[in-house]
PDB file of N, CA and C in Angstrom:
ATOM      1  N   MET A   1       0.443  41.470 -49.218  1.00  0.00           N
ATOM      2  CA  MET A   1       1.746  41.954 -49.572  1.00  0.00           C
ATOM      3  C   MET A   1       2.676  40.770 -49.733  1.00  0.00           C
ATOM      4  N   THR A   2       3.758  41.001 -50.443  1.00  0.00           N
ATOM      5  CA  THR A   2       4.742  39.960 -50.696  1.00  0.00           C
ATOM      6  C   THR A   2       6.055  40.340 -50.030  1.00  0.00           C
ATOM      7  N   VAL A   3       6.672  39.369 -49.384  1.00  0.00           N
ATOM      8  CA  VAL A   3       8.000  39.548 -48.806  1.00  0.00           C
ATOM      9  C   VAL A   3       8.955  38.694 -49.626  1.00  0.00           C
ATOM     10  N   LEU A   4      10.023  39.307 -50.101  1.00  0.00           N
ATOM     11  CA  LEU A   4      11.032  38.601 -50.887  1.00  0.00           C
ATOM     12  C   LEU A   4      12.324  38.503 -50.091  1.00  0.00           C
ATOM     13  N   PHE A   5      12.909  37.316 -50.079  1.00  0.00           N
ATOM     14  CA  PHE A   5      14.165  37.070 -49.368  1.00  0.00           C
ATOM     15  C   PHE A   5      15.253  36.782 -50.380  1.00  0.00           C
ATOM     16  N   TYR A   6      16.437  37.330 -50.147  1.00  0.00           N
ATOM     17  CA  TYR A   6      17.555  37.155 -51.065  1.00  0.00           C
ATOM     18  C   TYR A   6      18.707  36.412 -50.400  1.00  0.00           C
ATOM     19  N   SER A   7      19.416  35.652 -51.174  1.00  0.00           N
ATOM     20  CA  SER A   7      20.597  34.829 -50.879  1.00  0.00           C
ATOM     21  C   SER A   7      20.801  34.492 -49.411  1.00  0.00           C
ATOM     22  N   GLY A   8      21.619  35.232 -48.680  1.00  0.00           N
ATOM     23  CA  GLY A   8      21.956  34.880 -47.307  1.00  0.00           C
ATOM     24  C   GLY A   8      20.750  34.727 -46.394  1.00  0.00           C
ATOM     25  N   MET A   9      19.635  35.304 -46.747  1.00  0.00           N
ATOM     26  CA  MET A   9      18.430  35.203 -45.921  1.00  0.00           C
ATOM     27  C   MET A   9      17.784  33.830 -46.044  1.00  0.00           C
ATOM     28  N   LEU A  10      18.113  33.100 -47.099  1.00  0.00           N
ATOM     29  CA  LEU A  10      17.459  31.818 -47.339  1.00  0.00           C
ATOM     30  C   LEU A  10      17.785  30.787 -46.267  1.00  0.00           C
ATOM     31  N   GLU A  11      18.919  30.941 -45.591  1.00  0.00           N
ATOM     32  CA  GLU A  11      19.224  30.021 -44.500  1.00  0.00           C
ATOM     33  C   GLU A  11      18.254  30.210 -43.335  1.00  0.00           C
ATOM     34  N   TYR A  12      17.683  31.381 -43.196  1.00  0.00           N
ATOM     35  CA  TYR A  12      16.718  31.654 -42.136  1.00  0.00           C
ATOM     36  C   TYR A  12      15.302  31.247 -42.516  1.00  0.00           C
ATOM     37  N   THR A  13      15.048  31.084 -43.815  1.00  0.00           N
ATOM     38  CA  THR A  13      13.697  30.765 -44.286  1.00  0.00           C
ATOM     39  C   THR A  13      13.577  29.338 -44.798  1.00  0.00           C
ATOM     40  N   GLY A  14      14.638  28.555 -44.645  1.00  0.00           N
ATOM     41  CA  GLY A  14      14.605  27.187 -45.146  1.00  0.00           C
ATOM     42  C   GLY A  14      14.561  27.120 -46.660  1.00  0.00           C
ATOM     43  N   GLY A  15      15.124  28.123 -47.312  1.00  0.00           N
ATOM     44  CA  GLY A  15      15.164  28.149 -48.768  1.00  0.00           C
ATOM     45  C   GLY A  15      13.980  28.839 -49.420  1.00  0.00           C
ATOM     46  N   VAL A  16      13.016  29.277 -48.636  1.00  0.00           N
ATOM     47  CA  VAL A  16      11.835  29.969 -49.170  1.00  0.00           C
ATOM     48  C   VAL A  16      12.249  31.366 -49.634  1.00  0.00           C
ATOM     49  N   ARG A  17      11.905  31.703 -50.877  1.00  0.00           N
ATOM     50  CA  ARG A  17      12.288  32.992 -51.455  1.00  0.00           C
ATOM     51  C   ARG A  17      11.208  34.062 -51.341  1.00  0.00           C
ATOM     52  N   SER A  18       9.957  33.654 -51.160  1.00  0.00           N
ATOM     53  CA  SER A  18       8.893  34.647 -51.026  1.00  0.00           C
ATOM     54  C   SER A  18       7.835  34.157 -50.055  1.00  0.00           C
ATOM     55  N   TYR A  19       7.142  35.117 -49.471  1.00  0.00           N
ATOM     56  CA  TYR A  19       6.120  34.835 -48.472  1.00  0.00           C
ATOM     57  C   TYR A  19       4.995  35.830 -48.680  1.00  0.00           C
ATOM     58  N   LYS A  20       3.764  35.352 -48.625  1.00  0.00           N
ATOM     59  CA  LYS A  20       2.597  36.222 -48.784  1.00  0.00           C
ATOM     60  C   LYS A  20       1.987  36.513 -47.414  1.00  0.00           C
ATOM     61  N   SER A  21       1.767  37.774 -47.149  1.00  0.00           N
ATOM     62  CA  SER A  21       1.098  38.202 -45.927  1.00  0.00           C
ATOM     63  C   SER A  21      -0.058  39.096 -46.336  1.00  0.00           C
ATOM     64  N   SER A  22      -1.161  38.969 -45.634  1.00  0.00           N
ATOM     65  CA  SER A  22      -2.308  39.792 -46.019  1.00  0.00           C
ATOM     66  C   SER A  22      -2.782  40.734 -44.929  1.00  0.00           C
ATOM     67  N   ASP A  23      -2.244  40.604 -43.721  1.00  0.00           N
ATOM     68  CA  ASP A  23      -2.867  41.406 -42.670  1.00  0.00           C
ATOM     69  C   ASP A  23      -1.921  42.114 -41.712  1.00  0.00           C
ATOM     70  N   SER A  24      -0.637  42.145 -41.955  1.00  0.00           N
ATOM     71  CA  SER A  24       0.263  42.891 -41.075  1.00  0.00           C
ATOM     72  C   SER A  24       0.122  44.384 -41.360  1.00  0.00           C
ATOM     73  N   PRO A  25      -0.209  45.172 -40.349  1.00  0.00           N
ATOM     74  CA  PRO A  25      -0.449  46.594 -40.585  1.00  0.00           C
ATOM     75  C   PRO A  25       0.825  47.428 -40.735  1.00  0.00           C
ATOM     76  N   ASP A  26       1.956  46.920 -40.212  1.00  0.00           N
ATOM     77  CA  ASP A  26       3.199  47.677 -40.283  1.00  0.00           C
ATOM     78  C   ASP A  26       4.387  46.711 -40.290  1.00  0.00           C
ATOM     79  N   ILE A  27       5.578  47.265 -40.499  1.00  0.00           N
ATOM     80  CA  ILE A  27       6.786  46.442 -40.594  1.00  0.00           C
ATOM     81  C   ILE A  27       7.019  45.661 -39.306  1.00  0.00           C
ATOM     82  N   ARG A  28       6.837  46.279 -38.166  1.00  0.00           N
ATOM     83  CA  ARG A  28       7.045  45.607 -36.882  1.00  0.00           C
ATOM     84  C   ARG A  28       6.151  44.366 -36.759  1.00  0.00           C
ATOM     85  N   SER A  29       4.884  44.505 -37.115  1.00  0.00           N
ATOM     86  CA  SER A  29       3.947  43.376 -37.068  1.00  0.00           C
ATOM     87  C   SER A  29       4.321  42.307 -38.084  1.00  0.00           C
ATOM     88  N   LEU A  30       4.796  42.746 -39.242  1.00  0.00           N
ATOM     89  CA  LEU A  30       5.229  41.798 -40.262  1.00  0.00           C
ATOM     90  C   LEU A  30       6.408  40.964 -39.750  1.00  0.00           C
ATOM     91  N   ILE A  31       7.354  41.595 -39.083  1.00  0.00           N
ATOM     92  CA  ILE A  31       8.500  40.866 -38.529  1.00  0.00           C
ATOM     93  C   ILE A  31       8.026  39.860 -37.484  1.00  0.00           C
ATOM     94  N   ASP A  32       7.056  40.236 -36.660  1.00  0.00           N
ATOM     95  CA  ASP A  32       6.475  39.281 -35.703  1.00  0.00           C
ATOM     96  C   ASP A  32       5.854  38.094 -36.429  1.00  0.00           C
ATOM     97  N   GLU A  33       5.109  38.383 -37.491  1.00  0.00           N
ATOM     98  CA  GLU A  33       4.468  37.329 -38.281  1.00  0.00           C
ATOM     99  C   GLU A  33       5.516  36.400 -38.899  1.00  0.00           C
ATOM    100  N   LEU A  34       6.571  36.988 -39.451  1.00  0.00           N
ATOM    101  CA  LEU A  34       7.637  36.181 -40.045  1.00  0.00           C
ATOM    102  C   LEU A  34       8.322  35.313 -38.994  1.00  0.00           C
ATOM    103  N   GLY A  35       8.486  35.857 -37.786  1.00  0.00           N
ATOM    104  CA  GLY A  35       9.064  35.080 -36.695  1.00  0.00           C
ATOM    105  C   GLY A  35       8.190  33.896 -36.323  1.00  0.00           C
ATOM    106  N   CYS A  36       6.884  34.092 -36.313  1.00  0.00           N
ATOM    107  CA  CYS A  36       5.961  32.986 -36.022  1.00  0.00           C
ATOM    108  C   CYS A  36       6.005  31.927 -37.123  1.00  0.00           C
ATOM    109  N   HIS A  37       6.128  32.370 -38.363  1.00  0.00           N
ATOM    110  CA  HIS A  37       6.106  31.432 -39.494  1.00  0.00           C
ATOM    111  C   HIS A  37       7.441  30.700 -39.678  1.00  0.00           C
ATOM    112  N   PHE A  38       8.547  31.446 -39.620  1.00  0.00           N
ATOM    113  CA  PHE A  38       9.858  30.864 -39.914  1.00  0.00           C
ATOM    114  C   PHE A  38      10.692  30.558 -38.666  1.00  0.00           C
ATOM    115  N   GLY A  39      10.323  31.126 -37.532  1.00  0.00           N
ATOM    116  CA  GLY A  39      11.067  30.904 -36.300  1.00  0.00           C
ATOM    117  C   GLY A  39      11.701  32.186 -35.777  1.00  0.00           C
ATOM    118  N   ASN A  40      11.923  32.199 -34.471  1.00  0.00           N
ATOM    119  CA  ASN A  40      12.474  33.395 -33.835  1.00  0.00           C
ATOM    120  C   ASN A  40      13.881  33.734 -34.314  1.00  0.00           C
ATOM    121  N   HIS A  41      14.607  32.755 -34.865  1.00  0.00           N
ATOM    122  CA  HIS A  41      15.944  33.058 -35.380  1.00  0.00           C
ATOM    123  C   HIS A  41      15.859  34.102 -36.498  1.00  0.00           C
ATOM    124  N   LEU A  42      14.826  34.045 -37.325  1.00  0.00           N
ATOM    125  CA  LEU A  42      14.647  35.051 -38.373  1.00  0.00           C
ATOM    126  C   LEU A  42      14.263  36.391 -37.760  1.00  0.00           C
ATOM    127  N   LYS A  43      13.331  36.373 -36.837  1.00  0.00           N
ATOM    128  CA  LYS A  43      12.906  37.615 -36.181  1.00  0.00           C
ATOM    129  C   LYS A  43      14.089  38.291 -35.505  1.00  0.00           C
ATOM    130  N   ASP A  44      14.877  37.528 -34.772  1.00  0.00           N
ATOM    131  CA  ASP A  44      16.038  38.091 -34.089  1.00  0.00           C
ATOM    132  C   ASP A  44      17.021  38.698 -35.088  1.00  0.00           C
ATOM    133  N   PHE A  45      17.221  38.021 -36.214  1.00  0.00           N
ATOM    134  CA  PHE A  45      18.118  38.555 -37.233  1.00  0.00           C
ATOM    135  C   PHE A  45      17.579  39.864 -37.795  1.00  0.00           C
ATOM    136  N   LEU A  46      16.288  39.895 -38.110  1.00  0.00           N
ATOM    137  CA  LEU A  46      15.691  41.098 -38.700  1.00  0.00           C
ATOM    138  C   LEU A  46      15.730  42.289 -37.753  1.00  0.00           C
ATOM    139  N   LEU A  47      15.626  42.033 -36.463  1.00  0.00           N
ATOM    140  CA  LEU A  47      15.643  43.112 -35.479  1.00  0.00           C
ATOM    141  C   LEU A  47      17.044  43.426 -34.975  1.00  0.00           C
ATOM    142  N   GLY A  48      18.035  42.611 -35.374  1.00  0.00           N
ATOM    143  CA  GLY A  48      19.411  42.834 -34.942  1.00  0.00           C
ATOM    144  C   GLY A  48      19.972  44.124 -35.510  1.00  0.00           C
ATOM    145  N   ASP A  49      20.933  44.660 -34.823  1.00  0.00           N
ATOM    146  CA  ASP A  49      21.530  45.937 -35.203  1.00  0.00           C
ATOM    147  C   ASP A  49      22.373  45.810 -36.471  1.00  0.00           C
ATOM    148  N   GLY A  50      21.884  46.360 -37.561  1.00  0.00           N
ATOM    149  CA  GLY A  50      22.641  46.412 -38.799  1.00  0.00           C
ATOM    150  C   GLY A  50      22.778  45.103 -39.550  1.00  0.00           C
ATOM    151  N   ASN A  51      21.934  44.129 -39.242  1.00  0.00           N
ATOM    152  CA  ASN A  51      22.054  42.822 -39.884  1.00  0.00           C
ATOM    153  C   ASN A  51      21.516  42.784 -41.302  1.00  0.00           C
ATOM    154  N   CYS A  52      20.499  43.580 -41.578  1.00  0.00           N
ATOM    155  CA  CYS A  52      19.879  43.502 -42.894  1.00  0.00           C
ATOM    156  C   CYS A  52      19.296  44.845 -43.287  1.00  0.00           C
ATOM    157  N   PHE A  53      18.872  44.891 -44.512  1.00  0.00           N
ATOM    158  CA  PHE A  53      18.303  46.094 -45.098  1.00  0.00           C
ATOM    159  C   PHE A  53      16.915  45.727 -45.589  1.00  0.00           C
ATOM    160  N   LEU A  54      15.906  46.478 -45.172  1.00  0.00           N
ATOM    161  CA  LEU A  54      14.532  46.229 -45.598  1.00  0.00           C
ATOM    162  C   LEU A  54      14.085  47.328 -46.556  1.00  0.00           C
ATOM    163  N   LEU A  55      13.539  46.913 -47.667  1.00  0.00           N
ATOM    164  CA  LEU A  55      12.994  47.840 -48.655  1.00  0.00           C
ATOM    165  C   LEU A  55      11.494  47.664 -48.734  1.00  0.00           C
ATOM    166  N   LEU A  56      10.777  48.762 -48.804  1.00  0.00           N
ATOM    167  CA  LEU A  56       9.339  48.737 -49.039  1.00  0.00           C
ATOM    168  C   LEU A  56       9.102  49.412 -50.374  1.00  0.00           C
ATOM    169  N   ASN A  57       8.646  48.634 -51.335  1.00  0.00           N
ATOM    170  CA  ASN A  57       8.395  49.155 -52.682  1.00  0.00           C
ATOM    171  C   ASN A  57       9.609  49.912 -53.223  1.00  0.00           C
ATOM    172  N   GLY A  58      10.796  49.359 -52.944  1.00  0.00           N
ATOM    173  CA  GLY A  58      12.029  49.922 -53.477  1.00  0.00           C
ATOM    174  C   GLY A  58      12.702  50.987 -52.639  1.00  0.00           C
ATOM    175  N   LYS A  59      12.097  51.384 -51.517  1.00  0.00           N
ATOM    176  CA  LYS A  59      12.681  52.412 -50.647  1.00  0.00           C
ATOM    177  C   LYS A  59      13.062  51.796 -49.312  1.00  0.00           C
ATOM    178  N   GLY A  60      14.221  52.178 -48.789  1.00  0.00           N
ATOM    179  CA  GLY A  60      14.628  51.723 -47.473  1.00  0.00           C
ATOM    180  C   GLY A  60      13.627  52.166 -46.424  1.00  0.00           C
ATOM    181  N   ILE A  61      13.308  51.284 -45.477  1.00  0.00           N
ATOM    182  CA  ILE A  61      12.263  51.619 -44.499  1.00  0.00           C
ATOM    183  C   ILE A  61      12.671  52.751 -43.568  1.00  0.00           C
ATOM    184  N   MET A  62      13.957  53.045 -43.449  1.00  0.00           N
ATOM    185  CA  MET A  62      14.351  54.172 -42.604  1.00  0.00           C
ATOM    186  C   MET A  62      13.852  55.491 -43.206  1.00  0.00           C
ATOM    187  N   ALA A  63      13.593  55.504 -44.496  1.00  0.00           N
ATOM    188  CA  ALA A  63      13.060  56.691 -45.166  1.00  0.00           C
ATOM    189  C   ALA A  63      11.536  56.721 -45.153  1.00  0.00           C
ATOM    190  N   THR A  64      10.910  55.627 -44.700  1.00  0.00           N
ATOM    191  CA  THR A  64       9.451  55.558 -44.740  1.00  0.00           C
ATOM    192  C   THR A  64       8.811  55.437 -43.367  1.00  0.00           C
ATOM    193  N   GLY A  65       9.611  55.443 -42.299  1.00  0.00           N
ATOM    194  CA  GLY A  65       9.054  55.355 -40.952  1.00  0.00           C
ATOM    195  C   GLY A  65       9.625  54.232 -40.104  1.00  0.00           C
ATOM    196  N   GLY A  66      10.656  53.571 -40.594  1.00  0.00           N
ATOM    197  CA  GLY A  66      11.283  52.500 -39.813  1.00  0.00           C
ATOM    198  C   GLY A  66      10.321  51.355 -39.558  1.00  0.00           C
ATOM    199  N   LEU A  67      10.408  50.779 -38.369  1.00  0.00           N
ATOM    200  CA  LEU A  67       9.568  49.628 -38.020  1.00  0.00           C
ATOM    201  C   LEU A  67       8.083  49.977 -37.955  1.00  0.00           C
ATOM    202  N   ASP A  68       7.776  51.258 -37.824  1.00  0.00           N
ATOM    203  CA  ASP A  68       6.375  51.687 -37.755  1.00  0.00           C
ATOM    204  C   ASP A  68       5.784  52.009 -39.133  1.00  0.00           C
ATOM    205  N   THR A  69       6.538  51.757 -40.182  1.00  0.00           N
ATOM    206  CA  THR A  69       6.057  51.989 -41.549  1.00  0.00           C
ATOM    207  C   THR A  69       4.781  51.198 -41.790  1.00  0.00           C
ATOM    208  N   ARG A  70       3.747  51.890 -42.222  1.00  0.00           N
ATOM    209  CA  ARG A  70       2.456  51.259 -42.512  1.00  0.00           C
ATOM    210  C   ARG A  70       2.539  50.459 -43.804  1.00  0.00           C
ATOM    211  N   LEU A  71       1.838  49.336 -43.827  1.00  0.00           N
ATOM    212  CA  LEU A  71       1.809  48.459 -44.995  1.00  0.00           C
ATOM    213  C   LEU A  71       0.411  48.423 -45.592  1.00  0.00           C
ATOM    214  N   GLN A  72       0.367  48.235 -46.903  1.00  0.00           N
ATOM    215  CA  GLN A  72      -0.893  48.167 -47.638  1.00  0.00           C
ATOM    216  C   GLN A  72      -0.917  46.891 -48.482  1.00  0.00           C
ATOM    217  N   PRO A  73      -2.106  46.381 -48.799  1.00  0.00           N
ATOM    218  CA  PRO A  73      -2.166  45.243 -49.723  1.00  0.00           C
ATOM    219  C   PRO A  73      -1.443  45.609 -51.021  1.00  0.00           C
ATOM    220  N   GLY A  74      -0.717  44.670 -51.564  1.00  0.00           N
ATOM    221  CA  GLY A  74       0.013  44.899 -52.799  1.00  0.00           C
ATOM    222  C   GLY A  74       1.434  45.402 -52.610  1.00  0.00           C
ATOM    223  N   ASP A  75       1.806  45.769 -51.367  1.00  0.00           N
ATOM    224  CA  ASP A  75       3.173  46.209 -51.105  1.00  0.00           C
ATOM    225  C   ASP A  75       4.158  45.072 -51.318  1.00  0.00           C
ATOM    226  N   LYS A  76       5.399  45.452 -51.622  1.00  0.00           N
ATOM    227  CA  LYS A  76       6.484  44.480 -51.752  1.00  0.00           C
ATOM    228  C   LYS A  76       7.580  44.860 -50.756  1.00  0.00           C
ATOM    229  N   VAL A  77       7.891  43.918 -49.861  1.00  0.00           N
ATOM    230  CA  VAL A  77       8.959  44.119 -48.885  1.00  0.00           C
ATOM    231  C   VAL A  77      10.096  43.193 -49.278  1.00  0.00           C
ATOM    232  N   GLU A  78      11.282  43.761 -49.424  1.00  0.00           N
ATOM    233  CA  GLU A  78      12.457  42.979 -49.775  1.00  0.00           C
ATOM    234  C   GLU A  78      13.412  42.957 -48.588  1.00  0.00           C
ATOM    235  N   VAL A  79      13.943  41.784 -48.291  1.00  0.00           N
ATOM    236  CA  VAL A  79      14.855  41.587 -47.164  1.00  0.00           C
ATOM    237  C   VAL A  79      16.214  41.167 -47.714  1.00  0.00           C
ATOM    238  N   LEU A  80      17.197  42.030 -47.516  1.00  0.00           N
ATOM    239  CA  LEU A  80      18.547  41.755 -48.018  1.00  0.00           C
ATOM    240  C   LEU A  80      19.521  41.753 -46.848  1.00  0.00           C
ATOM    241  N   PRO A  81      20.418  40.753 -46.788  1.00  0.00           N
ATOM    242  CA  PRO A  81      21.486  40.821 -45.793  1.00  0.00           C
ATOM    243  C   PRO A  81      22.282  42.095 -46.038  1.00  0.00           C
ATOM    244  N   PHE A  82      22.735  42.753 -44.993  1.00  0.00           N
ATOM    245  CA  PHE A  82      23.374  44.057 -45.110  1.00  0.00           C
ATOM    246  C   PHE A  82      24.525  44.054 -46.119  1.00  0.00           C
ATOM    247  N   ILE A  83      25.289  43.021 -46.144  1.00  0.00           N
ATOM    248  CA  ILE A  83      26.441  42.987 -47.054  1.00  0.00           C
ATOM    249  C   ILE A  83      26.025  43.119 -48.516  1.00  0.00           C
ATOM    250  N   GLU A  84      24.837  42.612 -48.860  1.00  0.00           N
ATOM    251  CA  GLU A  84      24.364  42.695 -50.241  1.00  0.00           C
ATOM    252  C   GLU A  84      23.719  44.025 -50.553  1.00  0.00           C
ATOM    253  N   ALA A  85      23.247  44.726 -49.531  1.00  0.00           N
ATOM    254  CA  ALA A  85      22.576  46.000 -49.752  1.00  0.00           C
ATOM    255  C   ALA A  85      23.595  47.128 -49.890  1.00  0.00           C
ATOM    256  N   GLY A  86      24.791  46.924 -49.400  1.00  0.00           N
ATOM    257  CA  GLY A  86      25.780  47.987 -49.382  1.00  0.00           C
ATOM    258  C   GLY A  86      26.474  48.129 -50.660  1.00  0.00           C
TER     259      GLY A  86
END
């Protein structure tokens, strides 16, 4: 699966706009993986209350199961700072 980061998120990823993951089974595990790769500052931001908006294949994850949303190969996860998603 591919994770895409937009504008304000780039400060947490060191300017990296996309990341490939092949084995995270759900959003929660993916966030753990991203924290290991980019640092806990990103993980803390992603898990913070209302900090960002996560889309899975164009749908907000709150409509697909929240952090327990299952992931499949080929999925696209987009991470937008909340201000840009609103």
